Amino acid sequence: MSKRIYVGGLPFKTTEEEMNALFATYGQVTSAKLITDRDSGQSRGFGFVEMPNDAEAVAAMEKLNGTDFGGRKLTINEARPMEARSSGGGDRGGRGGDRGGRGGYGGGKW
């Protein structure tokens, strides 16, 4: 089973190709994904690498964690599964919550 690896502390100019090359020194890389800001397209300084061989992935994590890459200290660990996001309803105190049963702003007592 393949391992998904979190790679944090990346310089903002890092490319996916550079991430791939960094991990390829330890074994086969299935994919390298740099996370970018959806509005600006700018790198957010972290990404994910997937390696099919567990032993190679563990070796890469151990060797690369805490190392300097482009003037920044890398944080490398096994990626956790992504948590499900809420749809943002009123149950979390966001907009659209219950205001005492009255709709709108007019004619009622707050």
N, C-alpha and C. Protein backbone atom coordinates (compact mmCIF):
# COMPACT_ATOMS: atom_id res chain seq x y z
N MET A 1 0.84 -1.19 0.00
CA MET A 1 0.00 0.00 0.00
C MET A 1 0.88 1.25 0.00
N SER A 2 0.49 2.24 -0.76
CA SER A 2 1.31 3.45 -0.86
C SER A 2 1.13 4.36 0.35
N LYS A 3 2.15 5.18 0.59
CA LYS A 3 2.11 6.13 1.68
C LYS A 3 1.98 7.54 1.12
N ARG A 4 1.13 8.32 1.76
CA ARG A 4 0.97 9.73 1.42
C ARG A 4 1.72 10.52 2.47
N ILE A 5 2.60 11.40 2.02
CA ILE A 5 3.51 12.12 2.92
C ILE A 5 3.22 13.61 2.87
N TYR A 6 3.08 14.22 4.05
CA TYR A 6 2.94 15.66 4.16
C TYR A 6 4.33 16.29 4.11
N VAL A 7 4.48 17.35 3.32
CA VAL A 7 5.75 18.05 3.20
C VAL A 7 5.48 19.53 3.50
N GLY A 8 5.92 19.99 4.67
CA GLY A 8 5.71 21.38 5.06
C GLY A 8 7.02 22.14 5.10
N GLY A 9 6.92 23.47 5.14
CA GLY A 9 8.10 24.31 5.20
C GLY A 9 8.78 24.51 3.87
N LEU A 10 8.06 24.28 2.79
CA LEU A 10 8.65 24.44 1.46
C LEU A 10 8.81 25.92 1.12
N PRO A 11 9.92 26.26 0.46
CA PRO A 11 10.04 27.63 -0.06
C PRO A 11 8.89 27.89 -1.03
N PHE A 12 8.39 29.11 -1.07
CA PHE A 12 7.22 29.42 -1.88
C PHE A 12 7.46 29.32 -3.38
N LYS A 13 8.72 29.27 -3.79
CA LYS A 13 9.03 29.13 -5.22
C LYS A 13 9.22 27.68 -5.64
N THR A 14 9.09 26.74 -4.73
CA THR A 14 9.27 25.31 -5.03
C THR A 14 8.23 24.84 -6.05
N THR A 15 8.67 23.98 -6.97
CA THR A 15 7.76 23.39 -7.96
C THR A 15 7.48 21.93 -7.60
N GLU A 16 6.45 21.38 -8.21
CA GLU A 16 6.13 19.97 -8.00
C GLU A 16 7.26 19.08 -8.53
N GLU A 17 7.92 19.52 -9.58
CA GLU A 17 9.04 18.75 -10.13
C GLU A 17 10.19 18.68 -9.12
N GLU A 18 10.45 19.78 -8.43
CA GLU A 18 11.50 19.79 -7.40
C GLU A 18 11.13 18.89 -6.23
N MET A 19 9.86 18.89 -5.84
CA MET A 19 9.41 17.99 -4.77
C MET A 19 9.61 16.54 -5.18
N ASN A 20 9.22 16.24 -6.41
CA ASN A 20 9.37 14.88 -6.93
C ASN A 20 10.83 14.46 -6.91
N ALA A 21 11.73 15.33 -7.39
CA ALA A 21 13.16 15.02 -7.44
C ALA A 21 13.73 14.82 -6.04
N LEU A 22 13.28 15.62 -5.08
CA LEU A 22 13.76 15.51 -3.71
C LEU A 22 13.47 14.12 -3.13
N PHE A 23 12.26 13.63 -3.35
CA PHE A 23 11.87 12.32 -2.81
C PHE A 23 12.33 11.16 -3.67
N ALA A 24 12.54 11.39 -4.95
CA ALA A 24 12.96 10.32 -5.86
C ALA A 24 14.34 9.78 -5.51
N THR A 25 15.13 10.54 -4.77
CA THR A 25 16.44 10.02 -4.34
C THR A 25 16.28 8.86 -3.36
N TYR A 26 15.10 8.69 -2.78
CA TYR A 26 14.85 7.62 -1.81
C TYR A 26 13.99 6.51 -2.37
N GLY A 27 13.46 6.68 -3.57
CA GLY A 27 12.64 5.63 -4.18
C GLY A 27 11.66 6.20 -5.18
N GLN A 28 10.76 5.34 -5.64
CA GLN A 28 9.78 5.73 -6.64
C GLN A 28 8.74 6.67 -6.06
N VAL A 29 8.40 7.72 -6.81
CA VAL A 29 7.38 8.68 -6.42
C VAL A 29 6.21 8.54 -7.38
N THR A 30 5.02 8.30 -6.82
CA THR A 30 3.82 8.18 -7.64
C THR A 30 3.30 9.55 -8.03
N SER A 31 3.30 10.49 -7.06
CA SER A 31 2.82 11.84 -7.35
C SER A 31 3.40 12.83 -6.36
N ALA A 32 3.47 14.08 -6.79
CA ALA A 32 3.89 15.19 -5.94
C ALA A 32 2.92 16.33 -6.21
N LYS A 33 2.25 16.80 -5.17
CA LYS A 33 1.23 17.84 -5.33
C LYS A 33 1.53 19.00 -4.41
N LEU A 34 1.78 20.16 -5.00
CA LEU A 34 2.03 21.39 -4.27
C LEU A 34 0.68 22.07 -4.04
N ILE A 35 0.40 22.50 -2.82
CA ILE A 35 -0.86 23.15 -2.51
C ILE A 35 -0.72 24.65 -2.73
N THR A 36 -1.65 25.20 -3.50
CA THR A 36 -1.62 26.61 -3.83
C THR A 36 -2.89 27.31 -3.37
N ASP A 37 -2.78 28.62 -3.20
CA ASP A 37 -3.94 29.44 -2.84
C ASP A 37 -4.89 29.45 -4.03
N ARG A 38 -6.16 29.21 -3.79
CA ARG A 38 -7.10 29.11 -4.90
C ARG A 38 -7.35 30.44 -5.60
N ASP A 39 -7.16 31.55 -4.90
CA ASP A 39 -7.39 32.85 -5.52
C ASP A 39 -6.16 33.37 -6.27
N SER A 40 -5.00 33.31 -5.63
CA SER A 40 -3.80 33.90 -6.23
C SER A 40 -2.95 32.89 -7.02
N GLY A 41 -3.11 31.59 -6.72
CA GLY A 41 -2.28 30.57 -7.36
C GLY A 41 -0.91 30.44 -6.72
N GLN A 42 -0.62 31.27 -5.71
CA GLN A 42 0.66 31.26 -5.00
C GLN A 42 0.78 30.00 -4.12
N SER A 43 1.97 29.43 -4.07
CA SER A 43 2.21 28.28 -3.21
C SER A 43 1.90 28.63 -1.76
N ARG A 44 1.35 27.67 -1.02
CA ARG A 44 1.07 27.86 0.40
C ARG A 44 2.19 27.30 1.27
N GLY A 45 3.27 26.80 0.64
CA GLY A 45 4.44 26.35 1.40
C GLY A 45 4.36 24.92 1.89
N PHE A 46 3.39 24.17 1.37
CA PHE A 46 3.33 22.75 1.73
C PHE A 46 2.71 21.96 0.58
N GLY A 47 2.86 20.65 0.68
CA GLY A 47 2.32 19.78 -0.35
C GLY A 47 2.31 18.33 0.12
N PHE A 48 2.04 17.44 -0.81
CA PHE A 48 1.95 16.02 -0.51
C PHE A 48 2.68 15.22 -1.58
N VAL A 49 3.36 14.18 -1.12
CA VAL A 49 4.06 13.26 -2.01
C VAL A 49 3.51 11.87 -1.73
N GLU A 50 3.31 11.10 -2.78
CA GLU A 50 2.86 9.72 -2.61
C GLU A 50 3.94 8.79 -3.13
N MET A 51 4.29 7.80 -2.30
CA MET A 51 5.30 6.81 -2.67
C MET A 51 4.69 5.42 -2.51
N PRO A 52 4.85 4.55 -3.53
CA PRO A 52 4.20 3.24 -3.48
C PRO A 52 4.85 2.24 -2.52
N ASN A 53 6.12 2.41 -2.22
CA ASN A 53 6.84 1.48 -1.36
C ASN A 53 6.95 2.04 0.05
N ASP A 54 6.35 1.35 1.02
CA ASP A 54 6.33 1.84 2.41
C ASP A 54 7.73 2.04 2.97
N ALA A 55 8.63 1.10 2.73
CA ALA A 55 9.99 1.19 3.29
C ALA A 55 10.72 2.40 2.73
N GLU A 56 10.57 2.66 1.43
CA GLU A 56 11.20 3.83 0.82
C GLU A 56 10.59 5.12 1.36
N ALA A 57 9.28 5.12 1.56
CA ALA A 57 8.60 6.30 2.09
C ALA A 57 9.07 6.61 3.51
N VAL A 58 9.18 5.60 4.34
CA VAL A 58 9.64 5.79 5.71
C VAL A 58 11.08 6.31 5.72
N ALA A 59 11.92 5.75 4.87
CA ALA A 59 13.31 6.21 4.78
C ALA A 59 13.36 7.67 4.36
N ALA A 60 12.55 8.06 3.37
CA ALA A 60 12.52 9.46 2.92
C ALA A 60 12.05 10.38 4.04
N MET A 61 11.01 9.98 4.77
CA MET A 61 10.51 10.81 5.88
C MET A 61 11.58 11.00 6.95
N GLU A 62 12.26 9.91 7.32
CA GLU A 62 13.28 9.98 8.37
C GLU A 62 14.47 10.83 7.94
N LYS A 63 14.90 10.69 6.70
CA LYS A 63 16.08 11.40 6.22
C LYS A 63 15.81 12.89 5.95
N LEU A 64 14.61 13.21 5.47
CA LEU A 64 14.32 14.58 5.05
C LEU A 64 13.73 15.47 6.14
N ASN A 65 13.08 14.88 7.14
CA ASN A 65 12.45 15.69 8.19
C ASN A 65 13.50 16.54 8.92
N GLY A 66 13.26 17.84 8.99
CA GLY A 66 14.17 18.75 9.68
C GLY A 66 15.33 19.25 8.86
N THR A 67 15.45 18.78 7.62
CA THR A 67 16.57 19.22 6.77
C THR A 67 16.26 20.57 6.14
N ASP A 68 17.32 21.24 5.70
CA ASP A 68 17.20 22.53 5.04
C ASP A 68 16.94 22.31 3.55
N PHE A 69 15.94 23.00 3.04
CA PHE A 69 15.63 22.94 1.61
C PHE A 69 15.32 24.36 1.15
N GLY A 70 16.22 24.93 0.37
CA GLY A 70 16.02 26.29 -0.12
C GLY A 70 15.97 27.34 0.97
N GLY A 71 16.70 27.08 2.06
CA GLY A 71 16.73 28.05 3.16
C GLY A 71 15.63 27.89 4.19
N ARG A 72 14.81 26.86 4.04
CA ARG A 72 13.73 26.61 5.01
C ARG A 72 13.84 25.19 5.57
N LYS A 73 13.40 25.01 6.80
CA LYS A 73 13.45 23.71 7.46
C LYS A 73 12.19 22.92 7.11
N LEU A 74 12.39 21.74 6.54
CA LEU A 74 11.26 20.90 6.13
C LEU A 74 10.64 20.17 7.32
N THR A 75 9.33 20.05 7.29
CA THR A 75 8.58 19.23 8.23
C THR A 75 7.94 18.12 7.41
N ILE A 76 8.36 16.90 7.66
CA ILE A 76 7.91 15.75 6.88
C ILE A 76 7.29 14.73 7.82
N ASN A 77 6.07 14.30 7.51
CA ASN A 77 5.45 13.20 8.25
C ASN A 77 4.36 12.55 7.42
N GLU A 78 3.86 11.43 7.91
CA GLU A 78 2.81 10.74 7.18
C GLU A 78 1.56 11.59 7.21
N ALA A 79 0.94 11.77 6.06
CA ALA A 79 -0.26 12.60 5.96
C ALA A 79 -1.42 11.93 6.67
N ARG A 80 -2.19 12.75 7.36
CA ARG A 80 -3.41 12.26 7.99
C ARG A 80 -4.54 12.34 6.98
N PRO A 81 -5.55 11.49 7.13
CA PRO A 81 -6.70 11.57 6.21
C PRO A 81 -7.37 12.94 6.35
N MET A 82 -7.86 13.46 5.22
CA MET A 82 -8.51 14.77 5.24
C MET A 82 -9.83 14.67 5.98
N GLU A 83 -10.07 15.63 6.88
CA GLU A 83 -11.32 15.65 7.62
C GLU A 83 -12.43 16.20 6.74
N ALA A 84 -13.63 15.65 6.92
CA ALA A 84 -14.77 16.13 6.15
C ALA A 84 -15.09 17.56 6.57
N ARG A 85 -15.37 18.39 5.59
CA ARG A 85 -15.71 19.78 5.89
C ARG A 85 -17.21 19.93 6.05
N SER A 86 -17.60 20.81 6.94
CA SER A 86 -19.01 21.11 7.14
C SER A 86 -19.50 21.99 6.00
N SER A 87 -20.79 21.92 5.73
CA SER A 87 -21.36 22.76 4.67
C SER A 87 -21.55 24.19 5.15
N GLY A 88 -21.26 24.48 6.42
CA GLY A 88 -21.32 25.85 6.91
C GLY A 88 -22.70 26.28 7.36
N GLY A 89 -23.55 25.35 7.74
CA GLY A 89 -24.89 25.69 8.20
C GLY A 89 -24.89 26.39 9.54
N GLY A 90 -26.06 26.69 10.06
CA GLY A 90 -26.21 27.42 11.31
C GLY A 90 -25.77 26.65 12.54
N ASP A 91 -25.53 25.37 12.42
CA ASP A 91 -25.17 24.57 13.58
C ASP A 91 -23.80 24.90 14.15
N ARG A 92 -22.98 25.64 13.40
CA ARG A 92 -21.65 25.99 13.88
C ARG A 92 -21.56 27.46 14.26
N GLY A 93 -22.68 28.12 14.44
CA GLY A 93 -22.66 29.51 14.83
C GLY A 93 -22.40 30.45 13.67
N GLY A 94 -22.51 29.97 12.46
CA GLY A 94 -22.28 30.81 11.29
C GLY A 94 -23.53 31.57 10.91
N ARG A 95 -23.55 32.10 9.74
CA ARG A 95 -24.72 32.83 9.26
C ARG A 95 -25.92 31.91 9.11
N GLY A 96 -27.08 32.49 9.21
CA GLY A 96 -28.30 31.71 9.00
C GLY A 96 -28.77 30.96 10.22
N GLY A 97 -28.20 31.27 11.38
CA GLY A 97 -28.62 30.60 12.60
C GLY A 97 -29.99 31.05 13.05
N ASP A 98 -30.55 30.39 14.02
CA ASP A 98 -31.88 30.71 14.54
C ASP A 98 -31.83 32.02 15.32
N ARG A 99 -32.73 32.93 15.00
CA ARG A 99 -32.81 34.22 15.69
C ARG A 99 -34.15 34.37 16.39
N GLY A 100 -34.61 33.34 16.97
CA GLY A 100 -35.85 33.43 17.73
C GLY A 100 -37.09 33.21 16.90
N GLY A 101 -36.99 32.68 15.73
CA GLY A 101 -38.16 32.33 14.96
C GLY A 101 -38.67 33.44 14.06
N ARG A 102 -38.08 34.59 14.04
CA ARG A 102 -38.55 35.67 13.17
C ARG A 102 -37.59 35.81 11.99
N GLY A 103 -38.13 35.94 10.81
CA GLY A 103 -37.31 36.12 9.63
C GLY A 103 -37.11 37.59 9.34
N GLY A 104 -35.98 37.94 8.83
CA GLY A 104 -35.72 39.32 8.41
C GLY A 104 -35.40 40.23 9.57
N TYR A 105 -35.37 41.54 9.27
CA TYR A 105 -34.97 42.52 10.28
C TYR A 105 -36.13 43.42 10.70
N GLY A 106 -37.21 43.40 10.03
CA GLY A 106 -38.25 44.38 10.31
C GLY A 106 -39.36 43.87 11.21
N GLY A 107 -39.97 44.79 11.94
CA GLY A 107 -41.20 44.55 12.67
C GLY A 107 -41.13 43.64 13.87
N GLY A 108 -40.02 43.23 14.31
CA GLY A 108 -39.99 42.31 15.44
C GLY A 108 -39.10 42.77 16.55
N LYS A 109 -39.31 42.21 17.68
CA LYS A 109 -38.49 42.49 18.85
C LYS A 109 -37.30 41.54 18.87
N TRP A 110 -36.09 42.05 19.09
CA TRP A 110 -34.90 41.19 19.13
C TRP A 110 -34.72 40.78 20.50
